[in-house]
Structure formats: structure tokens, C-alpha cells
Amino acid sequence: VQLVESGGGLVQPGGSLRLSCAASGFTFSTYAMRWYRQAPGKERESVAFISNEGGTTNYADSAKGRFTVSRDNAKNTVYLQMNSLKPEDTAVYYCNTWRWGVDYWGQGTQVTVSS
């Protein structure tokens, strides 16, 4: 299993970013996916969930109405569209999947929201 995140960067408050997570080494369309984030000095927290076919999504309260998770199973990629970004969204963002009690993580991509 390999997960590679991209799309992070520095953005001003109110701006937008789209994160991508390219997956390989497993049958992507059969796995649900999550996005997590970890801010300095804080625990890693779940931000968004998407089911294997994309029909079910849910979000942390902090992400509702601003973030949208989606996936393209033909491209083995999951996305996180982030709008109306706030300084408190600054964190390293990770994609995640799991099976049989084992978690798989990417290396993360840094998102910094600052003026």
C-alpha cells in the first residue's frame, strides 16, 4: 500500500487549496478513505471520510461547509477541496486507509494558512 499526498502550500486566509492523494498497491475502489490533519503540538484528527464508491461522506465539525472530499476510482486518487481556509486549518494533512486493523498513511502534505 502506498499513499502519496500533494497539493499543500501557503495560502492566505479565505483562500482555497485542493489536496490529492494518489494510491497504489491495493484495489483502491474497495477501500474507504479518510483525510486527517495534525497541527503542531496537537493530536492527529480526522477531517473527512469517503466510502469506497464515494456515495457516503462525512466531515469533522470544523470542516463542514468548507471542505469537500471526493475520489476518482479510475485514477486511484482521493481529493480534499478546502475553501474559506482559516489560520487554524494550518497542519500537515494525511490521507489514510485501513483494513483488518492495519492503518496505512501517506507522508503528509503541509498546509499553512497565513497572511
C-alpha atoms as a PDB file:
ATOM      1  CA  VAL A   1       0.000   0.000   0.000  1.00  0.00           C
ATOM      2  CA  GLN A   2       1.366   3.405  -0.960  1.00  0.00           C
ATOM      3  CA  LEU A   3      -0.316   6.750  -0.416  1.00  0.00           C
ATOM      4  CA  VAL A   4       1.242   9.966  -1.718  1.00  0.00           C
ATOM      5  CA  GLU A   5      -0.272  13.321  -0.829  1.00  0.00           C
ATOM      6  CA  SER A   6       0.276  16.529  -2.760  1.00  0.00           C
ATOM      7  CA  GLY A   7      -1.211  19.971  -3.186  1.00  0.00           C
ATOM      8  CA  GLY A   8      -0.307  21.609   0.086  1.00  0.00           C
ATOM      9  CA  GLY A   9       1.255  25.029   0.362  1.00  0.00           C
ATOM     10  CA  LEU A  10       0.969  28.517   1.757  1.00  0.00           C
ATOM     11  CA  VAL A  11      -2.370  30.256   1.293  1.00  0.00           C
ATOM     12  CA  GLN A  12      -3.916  33.419   2.682  1.00  0.00           C
ATOM     13  CA  PRO A  13      -6.936  33.268   4.968  1.00  0.00           C
ATOM     14  CA  GLY A  14     -10.077  32.849   2.890  1.00  0.00           C
ATOM     15  CA  GLY A  15      -8.183  31.077   0.140  1.00  0.00           C
ATOM     16  CA  SER A  16      -8.552  27.580  -1.271  1.00  0.00           C
ATOM     17  CA  LEU A  17      -6.416  24.527  -1.854  1.00  0.00           C
ATOM     18  CA  ARG A  18      -7.086  21.109  -3.315  1.00  0.00           C
ATOM     19  CA  LEU A  19      -5.160  18.224  -1.861  1.00  0.00           C
ATOM     20  CA  SER A  20      -4.672  14.974  -3.739  1.00  0.00           C
ATOM     21  CA  CYS A  21      -3.726  11.526  -2.528  1.00  0.00           C
ATOM     22  CA  ALA A  22      -2.528   9.038  -5.124  1.00  0.00           C
ATOM     23  CA  ALA A  23      -2.937   5.433  -4.065  1.00  0.00           C
ATOM     24  CA  SER A  24      -1.218   2.311  -5.299  1.00  0.00           C
ATOM     25  CA  GLY A  25      -0.557  -1.254  -4.278  1.00  0.00           C
ATOM     26  CA  PHE A  26      -4.134  -2.182  -3.479  1.00  0.00           C
ATOM     27  CA  THR A  27      -7.577  -2.291  -5.055  1.00  0.00           C
ATOM     28  CA  PHE A  28      -8.427   1.337  -4.402  1.00  0.00           C
ATOM     29  CA  SER A  29     -12.113   1.075  -5.288  1.00  0.00           C
ATOM     30  CA  THR A  30     -12.730  -1.384  -2.458  1.00  0.00           C
ATOM     31  CA  TYR A  31     -11.295   0.823   0.306  1.00  0.00           C
ATOM     32  CA  ALA A  32     -12.869   3.711   2.159  1.00  0.00           C
ATOM     33  CA  MET A  33     -10.525   6.636   2.678  1.00  0.00           C
ATOM     34  CA  ARG A  34     -10.011   9.346   5.262  1.00  0.00           C
ATOM     35  CA  TRP A  35      -8.203  12.650   5.435  1.00  0.00           C
ATOM     36  CA  TYR A  36      -6.574  13.545   8.729  1.00  0.00           C
ATOM     37  CA  ARG A  37      -4.578  16.520   9.875  1.00  0.00           C
ATOM     38  CA  GLN A  38      -2.097  17.209  12.631  1.00  0.00           C
ATOM     39  CA  ALA A  39      -1.242  20.691  13.830  1.00  0.00           C
ATOM     40  CA  PRO A  40       1.923  21.396  15.830  1.00  0.00           C
ATOM     41  CA  GLY A  41       1.527  20.239  19.408  1.00  0.00           C
ATOM     42  CA  LYS A  42      -1.852  18.656  18.732  1.00  0.00           C
ATOM     43  CA  GLU A  43      -3.104  15.140  18.156  1.00  0.00           C
ATOM     44  CA  ARG A  44      -3.924  13.905  14.695  1.00  0.00           C
ATOM     45  CA  GLU A  45      -7.615  14.407  13.945  1.00  0.00           C
ATOM     46  CA  SER A  46      -9.950  13.054  11.308  1.00  0.00           C
ATOM     47  CA  VAL A  47     -11.172  15.686   8.870  1.00  0.00           C
ATOM     48  CA  ALA A  48     -13.193  13.795   6.259  1.00  0.00           C
ATOM     49  CA  PHE A  49     -14.340  10.307   5.298  1.00  0.00           C
ATOM     50  CA  ILE A  50     -15.417   8.898   1.967  1.00  0.00           C
ATOM     51  CA  SER A  51     -16.757   5.418   1.302  1.00  0.00           C
ATOM     52  CA  ASN A  52     -15.223   3.148  -1.318  1.00  0.00           C
ATOM     53  CA  GLU A  53     -17.607   4.193  -4.089  1.00  0.00           C
ATOM     54  CA  GLY A  54     -17.903   7.776  -2.869  1.00  0.00           C
ATOM     55  CA  GLY A  55     -21.569   7.527  -2.006  1.00  0.00           C
ATOM     56  CA  THR A  56     -21.078   8.353   1.662  1.00  0.00           C
ATOM     57  CA  THR A  57     -19.055  11.209   3.069  1.00  0.00           C
ATOM     58  CA  ASN A  58     -18.797  12.813   6.451  1.00  0.00           C
ATOM     59  CA  TYR A  59     -16.786  15.591   7.993  1.00  0.00           C
ATOM     60  CA  ALA A  60     -15.451  16.920  11.222  1.00  0.00           C
ATOM     61  CA  ASP A  61     -17.476  19.857  12.506  1.00  0.00           C
ATOM     62  CA  SER A  62     -14.517  22.129  11.765  1.00  0.00           C
ATOM     63  CA  ALA A  63     -14.619  21.108   8.082  1.00  0.00           C
ATOM     64  CA  LYS A  64     -18.355  21.079   7.406  1.00  0.00           C
ATOM     65  CA  GLY A  65     -19.439  23.564   4.782  1.00  0.00           C
ATOM     66  CA  ARG A  66     -15.864  24.403   3.784  1.00  0.00           C
ATOM     67  CA  PHE A  67     -14.180  21.110   2.806  1.00  0.00           C
ATOM     68  CA  THR A  68     -15.306  18.571   0.241  1.00  0.00           C
ATOM     69  CA  VAL A  69     -13.869  15.081  -0.088  1.00  0.00           C
ATOM     70  CA  SER A  70     -14.150  13.235  -3.395  1.00  0.00           C
ATOM     71  CA  ARG A  71     -12.492  10.380  -5.221  1.00  0.00           C
ATOM     72  CA  ASP A  72     -11.815   9.167  -8.716  1.00  0.00           C
ATOM     73  CA  ASN A  73     -11.539   5.398  -8.639  1.00  0.00           C
ATOM     74  CA  ALA A  74     -10.373   5.316 -12.254  1.00  0.00           C
ATOM     75  CA  LYS A  75      -7.361   7.403 -11.204  1.00  0.00           C
ATOM     76  CA  ASN A  76      -6.853   5.783  -7.788  1.00  0.00           C
ATOM     77  CA  THR A  77      -6.964   9.241  -6.249  1.00  0.00           C
ATOM     78  CA  VAL A  78      -8.813  10.884  -3.393  1.00  0.00           C
ATOM     79  CA  TYR A  79      -9.135  14.654  -3.108  1.00  0.00           C
ATOM     80  CA  LEU A  80      -9.823  17.221  -0.427  1.00  0.00           C
ATOM     81  CA  GLN A  81     -11.091  20.560  -1.672  1.00  0.00           C
ATOM     82  CA  MET A  82     -10.611  23.149   1.051  1.00  0.00           C
ATOM     83  CA  ASN A  83     -12.285  26.544   0.779  1.00  0.00           C
ATOM     84  CA  SER A  84     -12.516  29.534   3.103  1.00  0.00           C
ATOM     85  CA  LEU A  85      -9.323  28.465   4.797  1.00  0.00           C
ATOM     86  CA  LYS A  86      -8.547  29.757   8.265  1.00  0.00           C
ATOM     87  CA  PRO A  87      -5.256  30.031  10.162  1.00  0.00           C
ATOM     88  CA  GLU A  88      -6.441  27.208  12.410  1.00  0.00           C
ATOM     89  CA  ASP A  89      -6.502  24.902   9.380  1.00  0.00           C
ATOM     90  CA  THR A  90      -2.703  25.044   9.366  1.00  0.00           C
ATOM     91  CA  ALA A  91      -1.473  21.467   9.734  1.00  0.00           C
ATOM     92  CA  VAL A  92       0.093  18.535   7.983  1.00  0.00           C
ATOM     93  CA  TYR A  93      -2.643  16.713   6.104  1.00  0.00           C
ATOM     94  CA  TYR A  94      -2.548  12.958   5.652  1.00  0.00           C
ATOM     95  CA  CYS A  95      -4.640  10.507   3.722  1.00  0.00           C
ATOM     96  CA  ASN A  96      -5.398   7.185   5.319  1.00  0.00           C
ATOM     97  CA  THR A  97      -6.956   3.855   4.662  1.00  0.00           C
ATOM     98  CA  TRP A  98      -7.239   0.722   6.730  1.00  0.00           C
ATOM     99  CA  ARG A  99      -8.073  -2.958   6.513  1.00  0.00           C
ATOM    100  CA  TRP A 100      -8.005  -5.813   9.004  1.00  0.00           C
ATOM    101  CA  GLY A 101      -6.969  -3.467  11.792  1.00  0.00           C
ATOM    102  CA  VAL A 102      -3.979  -2.067   9.954  1.00  0.00           C
ATOM    103  CA  ASP A 103      -3.747   1.636   9.167  1.00  0.00           C
ATOM    104  CA  TYR A 104      -1.905   2.927   6.121  1.00  0.00           C
ATOM    105  CA  TRP A 105      -0.655   6.517   5.897  1.00  0.00           C
ATOM    106  CA  GLY A 106       0.940   8.794   3.396  1.00  0.00           C
ATOM    107  CA  GLN A 107       3.862  11.067   4.206  1.00  0.00           C
ATOM    108  CA  GLY A 108       1.624  14.113   4.555  1.00  0.00           C
ATOM    109  CA  THR A 109       1.467  17.497   2.887  1.00  0.00           C
ATOM    110  CA  GLN A 110       1.880  20.785   4.741  1.00  0.00           C
ATOM    111  CA  VAL A 111      -0.899  23.359   4.601  1.00  0.00           C
ATOM    112  CA  THR A 112      -0.130  26.786   6.023  1.00  0.00           C
ATOM    113  CA  VAL A 113      -2.807  29.459   6.199  1.00  0.00           C
ATOM    114  CA  SER A 114      -1.282  32.825   6.927  1.00  0.00           C
ATOM    115  CA  SER A 115      -1.305  36.397   5.720  1.00  0.00           C
END
